[in-house]
Amino acid sequence: MHQLIKKIRLQNSFSEKISKFIKKIIVLKSRSYVSKWVYIMYTLFILTLLITVSLFEKEDIHLSLNKYHTPFLDFTFKYITYLGDGIMFAILIIYFFFISKKESLKYAISGVLTLIITTITKRLIFIKSARPVEYFGEENLHLIKGVKMAHWHSFPSGHAITVFIISALLITSIKNKKQQIFIVFCALLAGYSRVYLSQHFLIDIFAGSIIGVVLALLVNLIMNKINKK
């Protein structure tokens, strides 16, 4: 019991640090542009994942979540997961090229950084990180027809890194708070879609989301230096 209480206290302390860190990460030239709900939604998401992956084994978490599925959710997550595809960088680069060259450059830099980080972590560090279907076998999971399953390079989630760096950058580019909230909501759904589709474990999403937001901070710092020249 003493060890459990100590573990919970450590988690609470770490949670407070993460909460403060998140507020520093998603930054605008004017902080008033960012809706408080952006901070609240992302903080709750991260803390929920942190507590879950800290208290339970990743295999147990996945099997428990995999039990909950419906035809509507199958359809929704099958397509919303594409928000985390690398092609999103190309789309944004081309779109902003005709609006603002600097905005286009920002997404080009973010795409390169994402490629570098995902390659290093997935292909060099966590090479033998198995995905759910490799752990459990396809016959033991609820899978969706038409979704091509990957077996290796699970940690961290490249889709999570992509969707969270893009969402963080978009939020720092727009002033409409309702749009900011919508972007975060879509990012959270896209992140969870990787677990729903059994492409990743929850801890992969947890790590990927943090990496994505940290990379967004780095990109904003780079762009600030470029803009000062």
C-alpha atoms as a PDB file:
ATOM      1  CA  MET A   1       0.000   0.000   0.000  1.00  0.00           C
ATOM      2  CA  HIS A   2       2.857   2.356   0.872  1.00  0.00           C
ATOM      3  CA  GLN A   3       4.494   1.738  -2.506  1.00  0.00           C
ATOM      4  CA  LEU A   4       1.199   2.375  -4.323  1.00  0.00           C
ATOM      5  CA  ILE A   5       0.704   5.703  -2.522  1.00  0.00           C
ATOM      6  CA  LYS A   6       4.282   6.673  -3.319  1.00  0.00           C
ATOM      7  CA  LYS A   7       3.744   5.776  -6.986  1.00  0.00           C
ATOM      8  CA  ILE A   8       0.567   7.870  -7.165  1.00  0.00           C
ATOM      9  CA  ARG A   9       2.344  10.847  -5.595  1.00  0.00           C
ATOM     10  CA  LEU A  10       5.140  10.587  -8.128  1.00  0.00           C
ATOM     11  CA  GLN A  11       2.596  10.428 -10.954  1.00  0.00           C
ATOM     12  CA  ASN A  12       0.761  13.502  -9.624  1.00  0.00           C
ATOM     13  CA  SER A  13       4.040  15.413  -9.409  1.00  0.00           C
ATOM     14  CA  PHE A  14       4.962  14.391 -12.952  1.00  0.00           C
ATOM     15  CA  SER A  15       1.452  15.245 -14.152  1.00  0.00           C
ATOM     16  CA  GLU A  16       1.763  18.778 -12.775  1.00  0.00           C
ATOM     17  CA  LYS A  17       5.085  19.222 -14.559  1.00  0.00           C
ATOM     18  CA  ILE A  18       3.595  17.991 -17.843  1.00  0.00           C
ATOM     19  CA  SER A  19       0.617  20.342 -17.465  1.00  0.00           C
ATOM     20  CA  LYS A  20       2.944  23.333 -17.026  1.00  0.00           C
ATOM     21  CA  PHE A  21       5.132  22.112 -19.877  1.00  0.00           C
ATOM     22  CA  ILE A  22       2.181  21.821 -22.270  1.00  0.00           C
ATOM     23  CA  LYS A  23       1.221  25.444 -21.668  1.00  0.00           C
ATOM     24  CA  LYS A  24       4.718  26.499 -22.683  1.00  0.00           C
ATOM     25  CA  ILE A  25       4.740  24.352 -25.816  1.00  0.00           C
ATOM     26  CA  ILE A  26       1.689  25.629 -27.698  1.00  0.00           C
ATOM     27  CA  VAL A  27       2.729  29.254 -28.042  1.00  0.00           C
ATOM     28  CA  LEU A  28       1.461  32.176 -30.109  1.00  0.00           C
ATOM     29  CA  LYS A  29       2.949  35.601 -30.459  1.00  0.00           C
ATOM     30  CA  SER A  30      -0.076  36.567 -28.438  1.00  0.00           C
ATOM     31  CA  ARG A  31      -1.157  33.907 -25.963  1.00  0.00           C
ATOM     32  CA  SER A  32      -4.697  35.286 -25.984  1.00  0.00           C
ATOM     33  CA  TYR A  33      -5.150  33.727 -29.419  1.00  0.00           C
ATOM     34  CA  VAL A  34      -5.099  30.226 -27.959  1.00  0.00           C
ATOM     35  CA  SER A  35      -8.331  28.953 -26.481  1.00  0.00           C
ATOM     36  CA  LYS A  36      -8.059  27.673 -22.924  1.00  0.00           C
ATOM     37  CA  TRP A  37      -9.913  24.572 -24.144  1.00  0.00           C
ATOM     38  CA  VAL A  38      -6.920  23.702 -26.299  1.00  0.00           C
ATOM     39  CA  TYR A  39      -4.808  23.418 -23.156  1.00  0.00           C
ATOM     40  CA  ILE A  40      -7.539  21.633 -21.224  1.00  0.00           C
ATOM     41  CA  MET A  41      -8.276  19.043 -23.922  1.00  0.00           C
ATOM     42  CA  TYR A  42      -4.652  18.184 -24.618  1.00  0.00           C
ATOM     43  CA  THR A  43      -3.686  18.175 -20.941  1.00  0.00           C
ATOM     44  CA  LEU A  44      -6.540  15.808 -20.044  1.00  0.00           C
ATOM     45  CA  PHE A  45      -5.584  13.591 -22.981  1.00  0.00           C
ATOM     46  CA  ILE A  46      -1.953  13.375 -21.918  1.00  0.00           C
ATOM     47  CA  LEU A  47      -2.699  12.875 -18.235  1.00  0.00           C
ATOM     48  CA  THR A  48      -5.242  10.146 -18.997  1.00  0.00           C
ATOM     49  CA  LEU A  49      -2.718   8.307 -21.147  1.00  0.00           C
ATOM     50  CA  LEU A  50       0.057   8.831 -18.608  1.00  0.00           C
ATOM     51  CA  ILE A  51      -1.955   7.376 -15.735  1.00  0.00           C
ATOM     52  CA  THR A  52      -3.236   4.477 -17.855  1.00  0.00           C
ATOM     53  CA  VAL A  53       0.135   3.392 -19.233  1.00  0.00           C
ATOM     54  CA  SER A  54       1.705   3.794 -15.781  1.00  0.00           C
ATOM     55  CA  LEU A  55      -0.779   1.584 -13.972  1.00  0.00           C
ATOM     56  CA  PHE A  56      -1.444  -1.141 -16.540  1.00  0.00           C
ATOM     57  CA  GLU A  57       0.528  -3.286 -18.975  1.00  0.00           C
ATOM     58  CA  LYS A  58       0.261  -2.182 -22.594  1.00  0.00           C
ATOM     59  CA  GLU A  59      -1.056  -5.594 -23.676  1.00  0.00           C
ATOM     60  CA  ASP A  60      -3.870  -5.512 -21.112  1.00  0.00           C
ATOM     61  CA  ILE A  61      -4.800  -1.965 -22.095  1.00  0.00           C
ATOM     62  CA  HIS A  62      -5.007  -2.869 -25.751  1.00  0.00           C
ATOM     63  CA  LEU A  63      -7.121  -5.972 -25.301  1.00  0.00           C
ATOM     64  CA  SER A  64      -9.523  -4.048 -23.048  1.00  0.00           C
ATOM     65  CA  LEU A  65      -9.926  -1.202 -25.535  1.00  0.00           C
ATOM     66  CA  ASN A  66     -10.202  -3.550 -28.496  1.00  0.00           C
ATOM     67  CA  LYS A  67     -13.423  -4.981 -27.075  1.00  0.00           C
ATOM     68  CA  TYR A  68     -15.276  -1.722 -27.667  1.00  0.00           C
ATOM     69  CA  HIS A  69     -16.192  -1.278 -31.308  1.00  0.00           C
ATOM     70  CA  THR A  70     -19.177  -0.461 -33.499  1.00  0.00           C
ATOM     71  CA  PRO A  71     -19.718  -0.249 -37.281  1.00  0.00           C
ATOM     72  CA  PHE A  72     -19.866   3.559 -36.981  1.00  0.00           C
ATOM     73  CA  LEU A  73     -16.547   3.738 -35.126  1.00  0.00           C
ATOM     74  CA  ASP A  74     -15.007   1.244 -37.554  1.00  0.00           C
ATOM     75  CA  PHE A  75     -15.903   3.528 -40.452  1.00  0.00           C
ATOM     76  CA  THR A  76     -14.907   6.748 -38.661  1.00  0.00           C
ATOM     77  CA  PHE A  77     -11.495   5.633 -37.426  1.00  0.00           C
ATOM     78  CA  LYS A  78     -10.690   3.847 -40.679  1.00  0.00           C
ATOM     79  CA  TYR A  79     -10.633   7.198 -42.474  1.00  0.00           C
ATOM     80  CA  ILE A  80      -9.782   9.754 -39.795  1.00  0.00           C
ATOM     81  CA  THR A  81      -6.467   7.954 -39.279  1.00  0.00           C
ATOM     82  CA  TYR A  82      -5.309   9.402 -42.611  1.00  0.00           C
ATOM     83  CA  LEU A  83      -4.911  12.766 -40.881  1.00  0.00           C
ATOM     84  CA  GLY A  84      -1.661  11.344 -39.537  1.00  0.00           C
ATOM     85  CA  ASP A  85      -0.266  10.309 -42.911  1.00  0.00           C
ATOM     86  CA  GLY A  86       2.916  11.984 -44.113  1.00  0.00           C
ATOM     87  CA  ILE A  87       1.061  13.186 -47.213  1.00  0.00           C
ATOM     88  CA  MET A  88      -0.555  15.829 -44.983  1.00  0.00           C
ATOM     89  CA  PHE A  89       2.741  17.709 -44.942  1.00  0.00           C
ATOM     90  CA  ALA A  90       2.775  17.850 -48.740  1.00  0.00           C
ATOM     91  CA  ILE A  91      -0.826  19.065 -48.829  1.00  0.00           C
ATOM     92  CA  LEU A  92      -0.125  21.863 -46.343  1.00  0.00           C
ATOM     93  CA  ILE A  93       3.141  22.851 -48.020  1.00  0.00           C
ATOM     94  CA  ILE A  94       1.390  23.244 -51.374  1.00  0.00           C
ATOM     95  CA  TYR A  95      -1.669  24.962 -49.876  1.00  0.00           C
ATOM     96  CA  PHE A  96       0.324  27.567 -47.944  1.00  0.00           C
ATOM     97  CA  PHE A  97       2.767  28.085 -50.821  1.00  0.00           C
ATOM     98  CA  PHE A  98       0.101  30.180 -52.550  1.00  0.00           C
ATOM     99  CA  ILE A  99      -0.789  32.055 -49.363  1.00  0.00           C
ATOM    100  CA  SER A 100       2.442  32.522 -47.425  1.00  0.00           C
ATOM    101  CA  LYS A 101       5.873  31.237 -48.405  1.00  0.00           C
ATOM    102  CA  LYS A 102       7.000  31.324 -44.773  1.00  0.00           C
ATOM    103  CA  GLU A 103       4.046  29.211 -43.652  1.00  0.00           C
ATOM    104  CA  SER A 104       4.835  26.765 -46.429  1.00  0.00           C
ATOM    105  CA  LEU A 105       8.456  26.655 -45.269  1.00  0.00           C
ATOM    106  CA  LYS A 106       7.285  25.971 -41.709  1.00  0.00           C
ATOM    107  CA  TYR A 107       5.487  22.796 -42.748  1.00  0.00           C
ATOM    108  CA  ALA A 108       8.403  21.761 -44.935  1.00  0.00           C
ATOM    109  CA  ILE A 109      10.721  22.010 -41.923  1.00  0.00           C
ATOM    110  CA  SER A 110       8.237  20.151 -39.728  1.00  0.00           C
ATOM    111  CA  GLY A 111       7.984  17.381 -42.312  1.00  0.00           C
ATOM    112  CA  VAL A 112      11.751  16.958 -42.459  1.00  0.00           C
ATOM    113  CA  LEU A 113      12.074  16.914 -38.658  1.00  0.00           C
ATOM    114  CA  THR A 114       9.269  14.376 -38.362  1.00  0.00           C
ATOM    115  CA  LEU A 115      10.922  12.137 -40.948  1.00  0.00           C
ATOM    116  CA  ILE A 116      14.273  12.335 -39.137  1.00  0.00           C
ATOM    117  CA  ILE A 117      12.825  11.602 -35.680  1.00  0.00           C
ATOM    118  CA  THR A 118      10.564   8.761 -36.814  1.00  0.00           C
ATOM    119  CA  THR A 119      13.398   7.167 -38.789  1.00  0.00           C
ATOM    120  CA  ILE A 120      15.814   7.331 -35.854  1.00  0.00           C
ATOM    121  CA  THR A 121      13.349   6.082 -33.242  1.00  0.00           C
ATOM    122  CA  LYS A 122      11.527   3.440 -35.276  1.00  0.00           C
ATOM    123  CA  ARG A 123      14.302   2.187 -37.573  1.00  0.00           C
ATOM    124  CA  LEU A 124      17.409   2.563 -35.409  1.00  0.00           C
ATOM    125  CA  ILE A 125      16.429   2.559 -31.722  1.00  0.00           C
ATOM    126  CA  PHE A 126      13.201   0.564 -31.329  1.00  0.00           C
ATOM    127  CA  ILE A 127      13.723  -1.775 -34.267  1.00  0.00           C
ATOM    128  CA  LYS A 128      12.042  -4.819 -32.736  1.00  0.00           C
ATOM    129  CA  SER A 129       9.053  -2.968 -31.322  1.00  0.00           C
ATOM    130  CA  ALA A 130       6.145  -5.242 -32.248  1.00  0.00           C
ATOM    131  CA  ARG A 131       2.668  -3.967 -33.055  1.00  0.00           C
ATOM    132  CA  PRO A 132      -0.568  -5.462 -31.635  1.00  0.00           C
ATOM    133  CA  VAL A 133      -1.167  -7.927 -34.482  1.00  0.00           C
ATOM    134  CA  GLU A 134       2.322  -9.307 -34.014  1.00  0.00           C
ATOM    135  CA  TYR A 135       1.717  -9.673 -30.280  1.00  0.00           C
ATOM    136  CA  PHE A 136      -1.727 -11.225 -30.351  1.00  0.00           C
ATOM    137  CA  GLY A 137      -2.307 -12.486 -33.886  1.00  0.00           C
ATOM    138  CA  GLU A 138      -5.021 -11.188 -36.190  1.00  0.00           C
ATOM    139  CA  GLU A 139      -7.512 -13.826 -35.063  1.00  0.00           C
ATOM    140  CA  ASN A 140      -7.477 -12.464 -31.490  1.00  0.00           C
ATOM    141  CA  LEU A 141      -8.240  -8.849 -32.361  1.00  0.00           C
ATOM    142  CA  HIS A 142     -11.133  -6.911 -33.834  1.00  0.00           C
ATOM    143  CA  LEU A 143      -9.776  -5.719 -37.160  1.00  0.00           C
ATOM    144  CA  ILE A 144     -11.399  -3.662 -39.882  1.00  0.00           C
ATOM    145  CA  LYS A 145     -11.673  -4.974 -43.415  1.00  0.00           C
ATOM    146  CA  GLY A 146      -9.548  -3.055 -45.895  1.00  0.00           C
ATOM    147  CA  VAL A 147      -7.002  -1.789 -43.356  1.00  0.00           C
ATOM    148  CA  LYS A 148      -3.497  -3.034 -44.126  1.00  0.00           C
ATOM    149  CA  MET A 149      -1.886  -4.129 -40.873  1.00  0.00           C
ATOM    150  CA  ALA A 150       1.719  -3.401 -39.918  1.00  0.00           C
ATOM    151  CA  HIS A 151       3.643  -5.776 -37.654  1.00  0.00           C
ATOM    152  CA  TRP A 152       6.788  -3.962 -36.535  1.00  0.00           C
ATOM    153  CA  HIS A 153       8.248  -0.522 -35.729  1.00  0.00           C
ATOM    154  CA  SER A 154       5.467   0.264 -33.292  1.00  0.00           C
ATOM    155  CA  PHE A 155       7.138   2.737 -30.931  1.00  0.00           C
ATOM    156  CA  PRO A 156       6.559   5.639 -31.171  1.00  0.00           C
ATOM    157  CA  SER A 157       3.575   6.225 -33.434  1.00  0.00           C
ATOM    158  CA  GLY A 158       4.615   8.116 -36.558  1.00  0.00           C
ATOM    159  CA  HIS A 159       0.991   9.023 -37.237  1.00  0.00           C
ATOM    160  CA  ALA A 160       0.689  10.507 -33.747  1.00  0.00           C
ATOM    161  CA  ILE A 161       3.855  12.545 -34.213  1.00  0.00           C
ATOM    162  CA  THR A 162       2.573  13.838 -37.548  1.00  0.00           C
ATOM    163  CA  VAL A 163      -0.954  14.741 -36.486  1.00  0.00           C
ATOM    164  CA  PHE A 164       0.166  16.450 -33.275  1.00  0.00           C
ATOM    165  CA  ILE A 165       2.952  18.505 -34.803  1.00  0.00           C
ATOM    166  CA  ILE A 166       0.596  19.622 -37.572  1.00  0.00           C
ATOM    167  CA  SER A 167      -2.268  20.406 -35.199  1.00  0.00           C
ATOM    168  CA  ALA A 168       0.018  22.363 -32.851  1.00  0.00           C
ATOM    169  CA  LEU A 169       1.403  24.392 -35.764  1.00  0.00           C
ATOM    170  CA  LEU A 170      -2.052  25.069 -37.192  1.00  0.00           C
ATOM    171  CA  ILE A 171      -3.265  26.262 -33.797  1.00  0.00           C
ATOM    172  CA  THR A 172      -0.368  28.715 -33.617  1.00  0.00           C
ATOM    173  CA  SER A 173      -1.327  30.043 -37.056  1.00  0.00           C
ATOM    174  CA  ILE A 174      -5.025  30.786 -36.605  1.00  0.00           C
ATOM    175  CA  LYS A 175      -6.951  33.076 -34.282  1.00  0.00           C
ATOM    176  CA  ASN A 176     -10.378  31.453 -34.456  1.00  0.00           C
ATOM    177  CA  LYS A 177     -10.740  29.608 -31.154  1.00  0.00           C
ATOM    178  CA  LYS A 178     -13.531  27.345 -32.394  1.00  0.00           C
ATOM    179  CA  GLN A 179     -11.292  26.202 -35.225  1.00  0.00           C
ATOM    180  CA  GLN A 180      -8.474  25.605 -32.736  1.00  0.00           C
ATOM    181  CA  ILE A 181     -10.727  23.385 -30.631  1.00  0.00           C
ATOM    182  CA  PHE A 182     -11.893  21.498 -33.725  1.00  0.00           C
ATOM    183  CA  ILE A 183      -8.280  20.901 -34.783  1.00  0.00           C
ATOM    184  CA  VAL A 184      -7.349  19.512 -31.369  1.00  0.00           C
ATOM    185  CA  PHE A 185     -10.447  17.319 -31.349  1.00  0.00           C
ATOM    186  CA  CYS A 186      -9.523  15.862 -34.745  1.00  0.00           C
ATOM    187  CA  ALA A 187      -5.930  15.310 -33.598  1.00  0.00           C
ATOM    188  CA  LEU A 188      -7.098  13.387 -30.526  1.00  0.00           C
ATOM    189  CA  LEU A 189      -9.407  11.216 -32.631  1.00  0.00           C
ATOM    190  CA  ALA A 190      -6.694  10.570 -35.203  1.00  0.00           C
ATOM    191  CA  GLY A 191      -4.275   9.637 -32.440  1.00  0.00           C
ATOM    192  CA  TYR A 192      -6.684   7.200 -30.829  1.00  0.00           C
ATOM    193  CA  SER A 193      -7.596   5.759 -34.239  1.00  0.00           C
ATOM    194  CA  ARG A 194      -4.190   4.078 -34.316  1.00  0.00           C
ATOM    195  CA  VAL A 195      -5.124   2.122 -31.180  1.00  0.00           C
ATOM    196  CA  TYR A 196      -8.656   1.408 -32.391  1.00  0.00           C
ATOM    197  CA  LEU A 197      -7.279  -0.002 -35.638  1.00  0.00           C
ATOM    198  CA  SER A 198      -4.728  -2.084 -33.668  1.00  0.00           C
ATOM    199  CA  GLN A 199      -1.871  -0.408 -35.479  1.00  0.00           C
ATOM    200  CA  HIS A 200      -0.345   0.764 -32.190  1.00  0.00           C
ATOM    201  CA  PHE A 201      -0.393   0.361 -28.447  1.00  0.00           C
ATOM    202  CA  LEU A 202      -1.592   3.261 -26.309  1.00  0.00           C
ATOM    203  CA  ILE A 203       1.921   4.010 -25.085  1.00  0.00           C
ATOM    204  CA  ASP A 204       3.003   4.542 -28.717  1.00  0.00           C
ATOM    205  CA  ILE A 205       0.390   7.284 -29.047  1.00  0.00           C
ATOM    206  CA  PHE A 206       1.387   8.812 -25.726  1.00  0.00           C
ATOM    207  CA  ALA A 207       5.011   9.107 -26.824  1.00  0.00           C
ATOM    208  CA  GLY A 208       4.147  10.216 -30.354  1.00  0.00           C
ATOM    209  CA  SER A 209       1.845  13.006 -29.197  1.00  0.00           C
ATOM    210  CA  ILE A 210       4.484  14.453 -26.866  1.00  0.00           C
ATOM    211  CA  ILE A 211       7.197  14.234 -29.519  1.00  0.00           C
ATOM    212  CA  GLY A 212       4.896  15.920 -32.031  1.00  0.00           C
ATOM    213  CA  VAL A 213       4.116  18.879 -29.785  1.00  0.00           C
ATOM    214  CA  VAL A 214       7.764  19.283 -28.761  1.00  0.00           C
ATOM    215  CA  LEU A 215       8.769  19.298 -32.434  1.00  0.00           C
ATOM    216  CA  ALA A 216       6.128  21.973 -33.074  1.00  0.00           C
ATOM    217  CA  LEU A 217       7.809  24.110 -30.413  1.00  0.00           C
ATOM    218  CA  LEU A 218      11.164  23.566 -32.098  1.00  0.00           C
ATOM    219  CA  VAL A 219       9.763  24.508 -35.512  1.00  0.00           C
ATOM    220  CA  ASN A 220       8.265  27.706 -34.088  1.00  0.00           C
ATOM    221  CA  LEU A 221      11.632  28.612 -32.558  1.00  0.00           C
ATOM    222  CA  ILE A 222      13.339  28.021 -35.907  1.00  0.00           C
ATOM    223  CA  MET A 223      10.748  30.147 -37.719  1.00  0.00           C
ATOM    224  CA  ASN A 224      11.117  32.950 -35.177  1.00  0.00           C
ATOM    225  CA  LYS A 225      14.851  33.092 -35.928  1.00  0.00           C
ATOM    226  CA  ILE A 226      14.201  33.049 -39.673  1.00  0.00           C
ATOM    227  CA  ASN A 227      11.634  35.854 -39.378  1.00  0.00           C
ATOM    228  CA  LYS A 228      14.099  38.030 -37.446  1.00  0.00           C
ATOM    229  CA  LYS A 229      16.636  37.906 -40.293  1.00  0.00           C
END
